[in-house]
Amino acid sequence: MSLEEVAELIRNTKDWGKGYPVRLYTCNTGTPSSDGEALAKKLADLLGRDVEGPNGFVNVNEAHAGLPQFMKSPPYVSSELGDGSHADREFLNFPAGK
């Protein structure tokens, strides 16, 4: 699925016209890709609306009934560092067209 198709799906949701911010619960969408720009920023520009994306991996915790941890606590994403430890990451805001 292309980013343009994702933008179109979002625009076609029943709540699109209410002006809610867009938050991506998808791993690393706030991390710059090989072209230096984060997917969340590209989507913000396509939508003409601010988009938030995590700069790490989204982890699911069974204690939260299958919901990402940050949906029940301040926004953060816990990312495994490779040695079994974790570092806190966060959602980054990408303004549209800026």
C-alpha atoms as a PDB file:
ATOM      1  CA  MET A   1       0.000   0.000   0.000  1.00  0.00           C
ATOM      2  CA  SER A   2       1.399   3.392  -0.939  1.00  0.00           C
ATOM      3  CA  LEU A   3       1.560   6.382   1.384  1.00  0.00           C
ATOM      4  CA  GLU A   4      -0.940   8.135  -0.872  1.00  0.00           C
ATOM      5  CA  GLU A   5      -3.381   5.236  -0.358  1.00  0.00           C
ATOM      6  CA  VAL A   6      -2.893   5.429   3.418  1.00  0.00           C
ATOM      7  CA  ALA A   7      -3.620   9.171   3.297  1.00  0.00           C
ATOM      8  CA  GLU A   8      -6.787   8.516   1.313  1.00  0.00           C
ATOM      9  CA  LEU A   9      -7.948   5.873   3.836  1.00  0.00           C
ATOM     10  CA  ILE A  10      -7.417   8.357   6.674  1.00  0.00           C
ATOM     11  CA  ARG A  11      -9.271  11.112   4.800  1.00  0.00           C
ATOM     12  CA  ASN A  12     -12.217   8.734   4.344  1.00  0.00           C
ATOM     13  CA  THR A  13     -12.652   7.939   8.053  1.00  0.00           C
ATOM     14  CA  LYS A  14     -15.825   9.235   9.702  1.00  0.00           C
ATOM     15  CA  ASP A  15     -13.824  11.482  12.076  1.00  0.00           C
ATOM     16  CA  TRP A  16     -11.606  13.142   9.455  1.00  0.00           C
ATOM     17  CA  GLY A  17     -13.676  16.319   9.264  1.00  0.00           C
ATOM     18  CA  LYS A  18     -13.509  16.833  13.041  1.00  0.00           C
ATOM     19  CA  GLY A  19      -9.890  17.995  12.826  1.00  0.00           C
ATOM     20  CA  TYR A  20      -8.451  15.447  15.240  1.00  0.00           C
ATOM     21  CA  PRO A  21      -4.675  15.066  15.135  1.00  0.00           C
ATOM     22  CA  VAL A  22      -3.299  11.977  13.421  1.00  0.00           C
ATOM     23  CA  ARG A  23      -1.198   9.655  15.589  1.00  0.00           C
ATOM     24  CA  LEU A  24       0.505   6.633  14.037  1.00  0.00           C
ATOM     25  CA  TYR A  25       0.826   3.562  16.257  1.00  0.00           C
ATOM     26  CA  THR A  26       3.320   2.037  13.854  1.00  0.00           C
ATOM     27  CA  CYS A  27       6.960   1.303  14.695  1.00  0.00           C
ATOM     28  CA  ASN A  28       9.543   3.932  13.733  1.00  0.00           C
ATOM     29  CA  THR A  29       7.231   6.131  11.662  1.00  0.00           C
ATOM     30  CA  GLY A  30       8.774   9.149  13.429  1.00  0.00           C
ATOM     31  CA  THR A  31      12.329   8.070  12.596  1.00  0.00           C
ATOM     32  CA  PRO A  32      13.949   9.518   9.469  1.00  0.00           C
ATOM     33  CA  SER A  33      14.213   7.018   6.615  1.00  0.00           C
ATOM     34  CA  SER A  34      17.058   6.704   4.112  1.00  0.00           C
ATOM     35  CA  ASP A  35      15.971   9.929   2.385  1.00  0.00           C
ATOM     36  CA  GLY A  36      16.255  11.814   5.694  1.00  0.00           C
ATOM     37  CA  GLU A  37      12.530  12.382   6.181  1.00  0.00           C
ATOM     38  CA  ALA A  38      10.228  10.459   8.534  1.00  0.00           C
ATOM     39  CA  LEU A  39       7.187   8.690   7.127  1.00  0.00           C
ATOM     40  CA  ALA A  40       5.042  10.656   9.603  1.00  0.00           C
ATOM     41  CA  LYS A  41       6.305  13.932   8.080  1.00  0.00           C
ATOM     42  CA  LYS A  42       5.563  12.724   4.547  1.00  0.00           C
ATOM     43  CA  LEU A  43       2.047  11.760   5.622  1.00  0.00           C
ATOM     44  CA  ALA A  44       1.569  15.144   7.345  1.00  0.00           C
ATOM     45  CA  ASP A  45       2.429  16.901   4.091  1.00  0.00           C
ATOM     46  CA  LEU A  46       0.035  14.699   2.100  1.00  0.00           C
ATOM     47  CA  LEU A  47      -2.808  15.224   4.573  1.00  0.00           C
ATOM     48  CA  GLY A  48      -2.175  18.884   5.303  1.00  0.00           C
ATOM     49  CA  ARG A  49      -2.475  18.062   9.000  1.00  0.00           C
ATOM     50  CA  ASP A  50       0.005  17.449  11.815  1.00  0.00           C
ATOM     51  CA  VAL A  51       0.926  13.788  12.307  1.00  0.00           C
ATOM     52  CA  GLU A  52       2.640  12.158  15.305  1.00  0.00           C
ATOM     53  CA  GLY A  53       4.826   9.085  14.894  1.00  0.00           C
ATOM     54  CA  PRO A  54       7.002   7.137  17.339  1.00  0.00           C
ATOM     55  CA  ASN A  55      10.782   7.244  17.068  1.00  0.00           C
ATOM     56  CA  GLY A  56      11.075   3.639  18.251  1.00  0.00           C
ATOM     57  CA  PHE A  57       9.309   0.313  18.334  1.00  0.00           C
ATOM     58  CA  VAL A  58       5.725  -0.005  19.569  1.00  0.00           C
ATOM     59  CA  ASN A  59       5.529  -2.720  22.209  1.00  0.00           C
ATOM     60  CA  VAL A  60       2.365  -4.422  23.400  1.00  0.00           C
ATOM     61  CA  ASN A  61       1.951  -5.267  27.081  1.00  0.00           C
ATOM     62  CA  GLU A  62      -0.451  -8.057  28.118  1.00  0.00           C
ATOM     63  CA  ALA A  63      -1.371  -6.101  31.265  1.00  0.00           C
ATOM     64  CA  HIS A  64      -3.021  -3.500  29.030  1.00  0.00           C
ATOM     65  CA  ALA A  65      -5.356  -5.980  27.352  1.00  0.00           C
ATOM     66  CA  GLY A  66      -3.383  -5.945  24.111  1.00  0.00           C
ATOM     67  CA  LEU A  67      -3.239  -2.165  23.795  1.00  0.00           C
ATOM     68  CA  PRO A  68       0.070  -0.371  23.304  1.00  0.00           C
ATOM     69  CA  GLN A  69       1.475   0.715  26.676  1.00  0.00           C
ATOM     70  CA  PHE A  70       1.390   4.398  25.818  1.00  0.00           C
ATOM     71  CA  MET A  71      -2.379   4.364  25.313  1.00  0.00           C
ATOM     72  CA  LYS A  72      -2.806   4.047  29.094  1.00  0.00           C
ATOM     73  CA  SER A  73       0.140   6.193  30.199  1.00  0.00           C
ATOM     74  CA  PRO A  74       2.050   9.263  28.979  1.00  0.00           C
ATOM     75  CA  PRO A  75       3.026   8.847  25.319  1.00  0.00           C
ATOM     76  CA  TYR A  76       6.199   6.869  25.006  1.00  0.00           C
ATOM     77  CA  VAL A  77       7.505   3.876  23.172  1.00  0.00           C
ATOM     78  CA  SER A  78       9.861   1.367  24.730  1.00  0.00           C
ATOM     79  CA  SER A  79      12.541   0.191  22.350  1.00  0.00           C
ATOM     80  CA  GLU A  80      14.797  -2.810  22.819  1.00  0.00           C
ATOM     81  CA  LEU A  81      18.427  -1.852  22.440  1.00  0.00           C
ATOM     82  CA  GLY A  82      19.783  -5.260  21.430  1.00  0.00           C
ATOM     83  CA  ASP A  83      21.340  -6.143  24.783  1.00  0.00           C
ATOM     84  CA  GLY A  84      17.964  -6.914  26.361  1.00  0.00           C
ATOM     85  CA  SER A  85      17.624  -3.453  27.863  1.00  0.00           C
ATOM     86  CA  HIS A  86      15.095  -0.882  26.757  1.00  0.00           C
ATOM     87  CA  ALA A  87      15.221   2.857  26.189  1.00  0.00           C
ATOM     88  CA  ASP A  88      12.253   5.169  26.319  1.00  0.00           C
ATOM     89  CA  ARG A  89      11.357   6.778  23.030  1.00  0.00           C
ATOM     90  CA  GLU A  90       8.583   9.235  22.327  1.00  0.00           C
ATOM     91  CA  PHE A  91       6.040  10.368  19.797  1.00  0.00           C
ATOM     92  CA  LEU A  92       7.349  13.206  17.657  1.00  0.00           C
ATOM     93  CA  ASN A  93       5.059  15.804  16.108  1.00  0.00           C
ATOM     94  CA  PHE A  94       5.498  16.559  12.415  1.00  0.00           C
ATOM     95  CA  PRO A  95       3.695  19.750  11.331  1.00  0.00           C
ATOM     96  CA  ALA A  96       2.131  19.715   7.894  1.00  0.00           C
ATOM     97  CA  GLY A  97       3.923  21.719   5.221  1.00  0.00           C
ATOM     98  CA  LYS A  98       6.671  23.120   7.444  1.00  0.00           C
END
